[in-house]
N, C-alpha and C. Protein backbone atom coordinates (compact mmCIF):
# COMPACT_ATOMS: atom_id res chain seq x y z
N MET A 1 -5.20 1.52 14.04
CA MET A 1 -5.93 1.83 12.83
C MET A 1 -5.18 1.23 11.64
N THR A 2 -5.93 0.64 10.74
CA THR A 2 -5.29 0.03 9.58
C THR A 2 -4.94 1.08 8.54
N TYR A 3 -4.06 0.71 7.65
CA TYR A 3 -3.63 1.63 6.60
C TYR A 3 -4.78 2.02 5.67
N SER A 4 -5.68 1.09 5.42
CA SER A 4 -6.78 1.40 4.51
C SER A 4 -7.69 2.49 5.08
N ILE A 5 -7.99 2.42 6.35
CA ILE A 5 -8.83 3.46 6.98
C ILE A 5 -8.08 4.79 7.02
N PHE A 6 -6.79 4.74 7.34
CA PHE A 6 -5.99 5.96 7.38
C PHE A 6 -5.94 6.63 6.00
N LEU A 7 -5.70 5.84 4.95
CA LEU A 7 -5.68 6.40 3.60
C LEU A 7 -7.07 6.87 3.17
N GLY A 8 -8.10 6.19 3.64
CA GLY A 8 -9.46 6.64 3.35
C GLY A 8 -9.74 8.01 3.97
N CYS A 9 -9.27 8.22 5.19
CA CYS A 9 -9.42 9.53 5.84
C CYS A 9 -8.64 10.61 5.09
N LEU A 10 -7.43 10.27 4.65
CA LEU A 10 -6.66 11.22 3.86
C LEU A 10 -7.34 11.54 2.53
N TRP A 11 -7.94 10.53 1.92
CA TRP A 11 -8.66 10.73 0.67
C TRP A 11 -9.83 11.68 0.86
N VAL A 12 -10.56 11.51 1.97
CA VAL A 12 -11.70 12.39 2.26
C VAL A 12 -11.22 13.82 2.47
N LEU A 13 -10.15 14.01 3.21
CA LEU A 13 -9.61 15.36 3.42
C LEU A 13 -9.15 15.98 2.11
N ALA A 14 -8.48 15.19 1.28
CA ALA A 14 -8.00 15.71 -0.01
C ALA A 14 -9.18 16.09 -0.91
N SER A 15 -10.22 15.29 -0.92
CA SER A 15 -11.37 15.62 -1.77
C SER A 15 -12.12 16.84 -1.25
N THR A 16 -12.11 17.05 0.05
CA THR A 16 -12.72 18.26 0.60
C THR A 16 -11.93 19.49 0.20
N ILE A 17 -10.62 19.40 0.24
CA ILE A 17 -9.77 20.52 -0.16
C ILE A 17 -9.95 20.82 -1.65
N VAL A 18 -10.03 19.78 -2.47
CA VAL A 18 -10.23 19.97 -3.91
C VAL A 18 -11.59 20.61 -4.17
N ALA A 19 -12.60 20.25 -3.40
CA ALA A 19 -13.93 20.83 -3.60
C ALA A 19 -13.95 22.32 -3.28
N LEU A 20 -13.05 22.77 -2.45
CA LEU A 20 -12.98 24.18 -2.09
C LEU A 20 -12.25 25.02 -3.14
N LEU A 21 -11.56 24.37 -4.06
CA LEU A 21 -10.83 25.09 -5.11
C LEU A 21 -11.81 25.64 -6.14
N PRO A 22 -11.41 26.69 -6.87
CA PRO A 22 -12.25 27.12 -8.01
C PRO A 22 -12.36 26.00 -9.04
N MET A 23 -13.44 26.02 -9.79
CA MET A 23 -13.74 24.92 -10.72
C MET A 23 -12.61 24.66 -11.71
N ARG A 24 -11.96 25.68 -12.22
CA ARG A 24 -10.92 25.48 -13.22
C ARG A 24 -9.68 24.80 -12.65
N HIS A 25 -9.52 24.81 -11.33
CA HIS A 25 -8.38 24.15 -10.69
C HIS A 25 -8.73 22.77 -10.13
N GLN A 26 -9.96 22.34 -10.27
CA GLN A 26 -10.40 21.06 -9.71
C GLN A 26 -10.16 19.86 -10.62
N TYR A 27 -9.93 20.07 -11.90
CA TYR A 27 -9.93 18.95 -12.84
C TYR A 27 -8.82 17.93 -12.59
N ILE A 28 -7.59 18.35 -12.52
CA ILE A 28 -6.49 17.39 -12.40
C ILE A 28 -6.52 16.66 -11.05
N PRO A 29 -6.62 17.37 -9.91
CA PRO A 29 -6.68 16.61 -8.66
C PRO A 29 -7.98 15.82 -8.52
N GLY A 30 -9.07 16.33 -9.10
CA GLY A 30 -10.34 15.61 -9.03
C GLY A 30 -10.31 14.30 -9.79
N VAL A 31 -9.69 14.31 -10.96
CA VAL A 31 -9.58 13.07 -11.75
C VAL A 31 -8.69 12.06 -11.04
N SER A 32 -7.61 12.53 -10.42
CA SER A 32 -6.74 11.59 -9.70
C SER A 32 -7.47 10.99 -8.49
N LEU A 33 -8.28 11.78 -7.81
CA LEU A 33 -9.08 11.24 -6.71
C LEU A 33 -10.15 10.28 -7.23
N LEU A 34 -10.70 10.60 -8.38
CA LEU A 34 -11.72 9.73 -9.00
C LEU A 34 -11.13 8.38 -9.38
N ILE A 35 -9.88 8.37 -9.83
CA ILE A 35 -9.22 7.11 -10.20
C ILE A 35 -8.79 6.33 -8.96
N ALA A 36 -8.35 7.04 -7.92
CA ALA A 36 -7.85 6.37 -6.71
C ALA A 36 -8.97 5.77 -5.86
N ALA A 37 -10.17 6.32 -5.95
CA ALA A 37 -11.26 5.88 -5.08
C ALA A 37 -11.63 4.41 -5.22
N PRO A 38 -11.83 3.87 -6.42
CA PRO A 38 -12.19 2.45 -6.50
C PRO A 38 -11.12 1.52 -5.92
N LEU A 39 -9.86 1.87 -6.11
CA LEU A 39 -8.80 1.04 -5.52
C LEU A 39 -8.87 1.07 -4.00
N LEU A 40 -9.10 2.24 -3.45
CA LEU A 40 -9.20 2.38 -2.00
C LEU A 40 -10.44 1.67 -1.46
N ILE A 41 -11.54 1.74 -2.19
CA ILE A 41 -12.77 1.07 -1.76
C ILE A 41 -12.60 -0.44 -1.74
N VAL A 42 -11.94 -0.97 -2.75
CA VAL A 42 -11.68 -2.42 -2.78
C VAL A 42 -10.78 -2.82 -1.62
N TRP A 43 -9.78 -2.01 -1.33
CA TRP A 43 -8.87 -2.30 -0.22
C TRP A 43 -9.62 -2.27 1.12
N ILE A 44 -10.48 -1.28 1.31
CA ILE A 44 -11.27 -1.21 2.54
C ILE A 44 -12.21 -2.41 2.63
N GLY A 45 -12.82 -2.79 1.52
CA GLY A 45 -13.68 -3.96 1.51
C GLY A 45 -12.92 -5.24 1.82
N TYR A 46 -11.71 -5.34 1.34
CA TYR A 46 -10.88 -6.53 1.62
C TYR A 46 -10.51 -6.60 3.10
N ASP A 47 -10.17 -5.46 3.69
CA ASP A 47 -9.77 -5.43 5.10
C ASP A 47 -10.93 -5.54 6.07
N HIS A 48 -12.08 -4.92 5.75
CA HIS A 48 -13.13 -4.75 6.75
C HIS A 48 -14.48 -5.34 6.37
N GLY A 49 -14.64 -5.84 5.17
CA GLY A 49 -15.88 -6.49 4.79
C GLY A 49 -16.67 -5.71 3.76
N TRP A 50 -17.63 -6.41 3.15
CA TRP A 50 -18.39 -5.84 2.05
C TRP A 50 -19.32 -4.72 2.49
N PHE A 51 -19.83 -4.76 3.73
CA PHE A 51 -20.74 -3.72 4.20
C PHE A 51 -20.07 -2.35 4.19
N TRP A 52 -18.84 -2.28 4.68
CA TRP A 52 -18.12 -1.01 4.71
C TRP A 52 -17.74 -0.58 3.30
N SER A 53 -17.46 -1.54 2.47
CA SER A 53 -17.18 -1.22 1.07
C SER A 53 -18.43 -0.65 0.39
N PHE A 54 -19.59 -1.19 0.70
CA PHE A 54 -20.84 -0.66 0.16
C PHE A 54 -21.08 0.77 0.62
N LEU A 55 -20.81 1.06 1.88
CA LEU A 55 -20.96 2.43 2.38
C LEU A 55 -19.98 3.38 1.68
N CYS A 56 -18.79 2.90 1.43
CA CYS A 56 -17.80 3.72 0.72
C CYS A 56 -18.25 4.00 -0.71
N VAL A 57 -18.83 3.02 -1.38
CA VAL A 57 -19.33 3.21 -2.74
C VAL A 57 -20.47 4.24 -2.75
N ALA A 58 -21.36 4.16 -1.75
CA ALA A 58 -22.46 5.13 -1.67
C ALA A 58 -21.93 6.55 -1.46
N ALA A 59 -20.93 6.70 -0.59
CA ALA A 59 -20.34 8.02 -0.37
C ALA A 59 -19.62 8.51 -1.62
N PHE A 60 -18.93 7.62 -2.30
CA PHE A 60 -18.21 7.98 -3.53
C PHE A 60 -19.17 8.47 -4.61
N ILE A 61 -20.27 7.75 -4.79
CA ILE A 61 -21.25 8.15 -5.80
C ILE A 61 -21.89 9.48 -5.42
N SER A 62 -22.14 9.69 -4.15
CA SER A 62 -22.72 10.94 -3.70
C SER A 62 -21.78 12.12 -3.93
N MET A 63 -20.50 11.93 -3.67
CA MET A 63 -19.53 13.01 -3.80
C MET A 63 -19.20 13.31 -5.26
N PHE A 64 -19.15 12.30 -6.10
CA PHE A 64 -18.73 12.47 -7.50
C PHE A 64 -19.89 12.27 -8.46
N ARG A 65 -21.10 12.64 -8.06
CA ARG A 65 -22.26 12.40 -8.92
C ARG A 65 -22.19 13.18 -10.23
N ASN A 66 -21.73 14.41 -10.21
CA ASN A 66 -21.67 15.19 -11.45
C ASN A 66 -20.62 14.66 -12.43
N PRO A 67 -19.38 14.38 -12.00
CA PRO A 67 -18.44 13.78 -12.97
C PRO A 67 -18.88 12.41 -13.46
N LEU A 68 -19.48 11.61 -12.59
CA LEU A 68 -19.94 10.30 -13.02
C LEU A 68 -21.09 10.42 -14.02
N LEU A 69 -21.99 11.38 -13.82
CA LEU A 69 -23.05 11.62 -14.80
C LEU A 69 -22.48 12.09 -16.13
N TYR A 70 -21.45 12.93 -16.07
CA TYR A 70 -20.81 13.40 -17.30
C TYR A 70 -20.22 12.23 -18.09
N PHE A 71 -19.47 11.36 -17.40
CA PHE A 71 -18.87 10.21 -18.10
C PHE A 71 -19.94 9.24 -18.59
N TYR A 72 -21.03 9.09 -17.84
CA TYR A 72 -22.13 8.23 -18.27
C TYR A 72 -22.77 8.78 -19.55
N ARG A 73 -22.99 10.09 -19.58
CA ARG A 73 -23.60 10.70 -20.77
C ARG A 73 -22.66 10.64 -21.96
N ARG A 74 -21.37 10.80 -21.72
CA ARG A 74 -20.40 10.67 -22.82
C ARG A 74 -20.38 9.26 -23.36
N ALA A 75 -20.49 8.27 -22.48
CA ALA A 75 -20.49 6.87 -22.92
C ALA A 75 -21.73 6.55 -23.75
N ARG A 76 -22.85 7.23 -23.46
CA ARG A 76 -24.07 7.03 -24.24
C ARG A 76 -24.04 7.74 -25.57
N GLY A 77 -23.05 8.62 -25.80
CA GLY A 77 -22.94 9.32 -27.06
C GLY A 77 -23.44 10.74 -27.04
N ASP A 78 -23.92 11.21 -25.89
CA ASP A 78 -24.38 12.59 -25.77
C ASP A 78 -23.18 13.52 -25.71
N GLN A 79 -23.43 14.81 -25.86
CA GLN A 79 -22.41 15.84 -25.74
C GLN A 79 -22.77 16.76 -24.57
N PRO A 80 -22.53 16.33 -23.34
CA PRO A 80 -22.88 17.19 -22.20
C PRO A 80 -21.96 18.41 -22.15
N GLU A 81 -22.51 19.52 -21.65
CA GLU A 81 -21.69 20.72 -21.58
C GLU A 81 -20.89 20.74 -20.28
N ILE A 82 -19.71 21.33 -20.38
CA ILE A 82 -18.81 21.42 -19.24
C ILE A 82 -19.02 22.78 -18.59
N PRO A 83 -19.16 22.81 -17.23
CA PRO A 83 -19.32 24.11 -16.58
C PRO A 83 -18.07 24.96 -16.70
N LYS A 84 -18.25 26.27 -16.74
CA LYS A 84 -17.12 27.18 -16.90
C LYS A 84 -16.46 27.49 -15.58
């Protein structure tokens, strides 16, 4: 198994654990996973091809749809509310 797939599996496990945390404890580890994901996706795409990278992007968007929508709305100038 290559390092990229191994780190991808660790990333999935870490994001599952973070999702099980209460919302107020998810911000710091969630942001670090959000930042690490594109780097890992590019690495997987480099090692295994664009198709697998595309699947990783689809899974990433599915898992982080709410934070990505928040950042999208902030970039548009809206003031989205943060859940408590």
